[in-house]
C-alpha atoms as a PDB file:
ATOM      1  CA  MET A   1     -13.046 -44.979  20.523  1.00  0.00           C
ATOM      2  CA  ALA A   2     -14.973 -41.840  19.668  1.00  0.00           C
ATOM      3  CA  GLU A   3     -15.464 -41.070  16.003  1.00  0.00           C
ATOM      4  CA  GLU A   4     -13.911 -37.771  15.022  1.00  0.00           C
ATOM      5  CA  THR A   5     -15.863 -35.621  12.639  1.00  0.00           C
ATOM      6  CA  ILE A   6     -14.178 -33.017  10.564  1.00  0.00           C
ATOM      7  CA  LYS A   7     -16.245 -29.846  10.115  1.00  0.00           C
ATOM      8  CA  ASP A   8     -15.999 -28.281   6.700  1.00  0.00           C
ATOM      9  CA  PRO A   9     -15.304 -24.530   7.202  1.00  0.00           C
ATOM     10  CA  ARG A  10     -17.552 -23.842   4.239  1.00  0.00           C
ATOM     11  CA  ASP A  11     -20.539 -25.245   6.159  1.00  0.00           C
ATOM     12  CA  LEU A  12     -21.604 -21.820   7.369  1.00  0.00           C
ATOM     13  CA  ASN A  13     -24.855 -22.795   8.975  1.00  0.00           C
ATOM     14  CA  GLY A  14     -23.468 -25.984  10.568  1.00  0.00           C
ATOM     15  CA  ASP A  15     -26.068 -28.368   9.131  1.00  0.00           C
ATOM     16  CA  GLY A  16     -23.443 -30.804   7.802  1.00  0.00           C
ATOM     17  CA  LYS A  17     -24.141 -29.930   4.179  1.00  0.00           C
ATOM     18  CA  VAL A  18     -22.189 -27.485   2.051  1.00  0.00           C
ATOM     19  CA  THR A  19     -24.497 -25.805  -0.445  1.00  0.00           C
ATOM     20  CA  LEU A  20     -23.450 -23.796  -3.482  1.00  0.00           C
ATOM     21  CA  ASP A  21     -24.616 -20.668  -1.690  1.00  0.00           C
ATOM     22  CA  GLU A  22     -22.336 -21.469   1.299  1.00  0.00           C
ATOM     23  CA  LYS A  23     -19.423 -22.194  -1.040  1.00  0.00           C
ATOM     24  CA  ILE A  24     -19.903 -18.804  -2.736  1.00  0.00           C
ATOM     25  CA  LYS A  25     -20.227 -16.927   0.625  1.00  0.00           C
ATOM     26  CA  TYR A  26     -17.152 -18.701   1.991  1.00  0.00           C
ATOM     27  CA  ALA A  27     -15.093 -17.923  -1.125  1.00  0.00           C
ATOM     28  CA  ALA A  28     -16.272 -14.268  -1.031  1.00  0.00           C
ATOM     29  CA  SER A  29     -15.310 -14.035   2.630  1.00  0.00           C
ATOM     30  CA  LYS A  30     -11.820 -15.429   2.030  1.00  0.00           C
ATOM     31  CA  ALA A  31     -11.379 -13.116  -1.002  1.00  0.00           C
ATOM     32  CA  GLY A  32     -12.401 -10.166   1.140  1.00  0.00           C
ATOM     33  CA  GLU A  33      -9.846 -11.150   3.810  1.00  0.00           C
ATOM     34  CA  LYS A  34      -7.116 -11.440   1.204  1.00  0.00           C
ATOM     35  CA  LEU A  35      -8.062  -8.069  -0.360  1.00  0.00           C
ATOM     36  CA  SER A  36      -7.837  -6.440   3.039  1.00  0.00           C
ATOM     37  CA  GLU A  37      -4.395  -7.975   3.594  1.00  0.00           C
ATOM     38  CA  VAL A  38      -3.130  -6.884   0.182  1.00  0.00           C
ATOM     39  CA  ALA A  39      -4.624  -3.392   0.602  1.00  0.00           C
ATOM     40  CA  GLY A  40      -2.737  -3.028   3.844  1.00  0.00           C
ATOM     41  CA  GLU A  41       0.514  -4.075   2.184  1.00  0.00           C
ATOM     42  CA  VAL A  42      -0.065  -1.616  -0.695  1.00  0.00           C
ATOM     43  CA  LYS A  43      -0.789   1.160   1.798  1.00  0.00           C
ATOM     44  CA  ASP A  44       2.441   0.451   3.700  1.00  0.00           C
ATOM     45  CA  LYS A  45       4.532   0.379   0.540  1.00  0.00           C
ATOM     46  CA  ALA A  46       2.880   3.549  -0.776  1.00  0.00           C
ATOM     47  CA  GLN A  47       3.687   5.358   2.442  1.00  0.00           C
ATOM     48  CA  VAL A  48       7.344   4.320   2.179  1.00  0.00           C
ATOM     49  CA  ALA A  49       7.487   5.369  -1.486  1.00  0.00           C
ATOM     50  CA  PHE A  50       5.864   8.689  -0.695  1.00  0.00           C
ATOM     51  CA  ALA A  51       8.412   9.383   2.065  1.00  0.00           C
ATOM     52  CA  GLU A  52      11.263   8.584  -0.318  1.00  0.00           C
ATOM     53  CA  VAL A  53       9.838  10.832  -3.058  1.00  0.00           C
ATOM     54  CA  LYS A  54       9.223  13.623  -0.550  1.00  0.00           C
ATOM     55  CA  GLU A  55      12.821  13.406   0.679  1.00  0.00           C
ATOM     56  CA  LYS A  56      14.169  13.391  -2.912  1.00  0.00           C
ATOM     57  CA  GLY A  57      11.926  16.335  -3.804  1.00  0.00           C
ATOM     58  CA  ALA A  58      13.173  18.349  -0.833  1.00  0.00           C
ATOM     59  CA  SER A  59      16.758  17.594  -1.869  1.00  0.00           C
ATOM     60  CA  LEU A  60      16.144  18.688  -5.450  1.00  0.00           C
ATOM     61  CA  ALA A  61      14.362  21.858  -4.207  1.00  0.00           C
ATOM     62  CA  ASP A  62      17.398  22.703  -2.087  1.00  0.00           C
ATOM     63  CA  LYS A  63      19.704  22.184  -5.048  1.00  0.00           C
ATOM     64  CA  ALA A  64      17.468  24.388  -7.257  1.00  0.00           C
ATOM     65  CA  LYS A  65      17.527  27.185  -4.623  1.00  0.00           C
ATOM     66  CA  ASP A  66      21.314  26.999  -4.463  1.00  0.00           C
ATOM     67  CA  LYS A  67      21.553  27.140  -8.271  1.00  0.00           C
ATOM     68  CA  ILE A  68      19.222  30.136  -8.445  1.00  0.00           C
ATOM     69  CA  ALA A  69      21.290  31.938  -5.771  1.00  0.00           C
ATOM     70  CA  ASP A  70      24.482  31.210  -7.782  1.00  0.00           C
ATOM     71  CA  LEU A  71      22.919  32.487 -10.985  1.00  0.00           C
ATOM     72  CA  LYS A  72      21.697  35.694  -9.232  1.00  0.00           C
ATOM     73  CA  ALA A  73      25.184  36.256  -7.828  1.00  0.00           C
ATOM     74  CA  LYS A  74      26.725  35.847 -11.264  1.00  0.00           C
ATOM     75  CA  LYS A  75      24.174  38.199 -12.767  1.00  0.00           C
ATOM     76  CA  GLU A  76      24.944  40.835 -10.152  1.00  0.00           C
ATOM     77  CA  ASP A  77      28.701  40.421 -10.733  1.00  0.00           C
ATOM     78  CA  LYS A  78      28.197  40.970 -14.479  1.00  0.00           C
ATOM     79  CA  ALA A  79      25.965  44.007 -13.852  1.00  0.00           C
ATOM     80  CA  GLU A  80      28.633  45.628 -11.651  1.00  0.00           C
ATOM     81  CA  ALA A  81      31.392  45.056 -14.233  1.00  0.00           C
END
């Protein structure tokens, strides 16, 4: 039966030994991958939040325009009286 060897993913140069330098490089690589993943999630959530804020802002702007038109109409009515 053939002996199965398990390769340590931290053995970056494939020499069968995992040095401190390889451990550090492997950890840094994994941290970089995770940071990229999290950054993508943050970007996606920020885009959704921005769209919601933009929509709410447009709604409030419309309400403000209506209120200003109402106030102008009331002012003109008072001026005519």
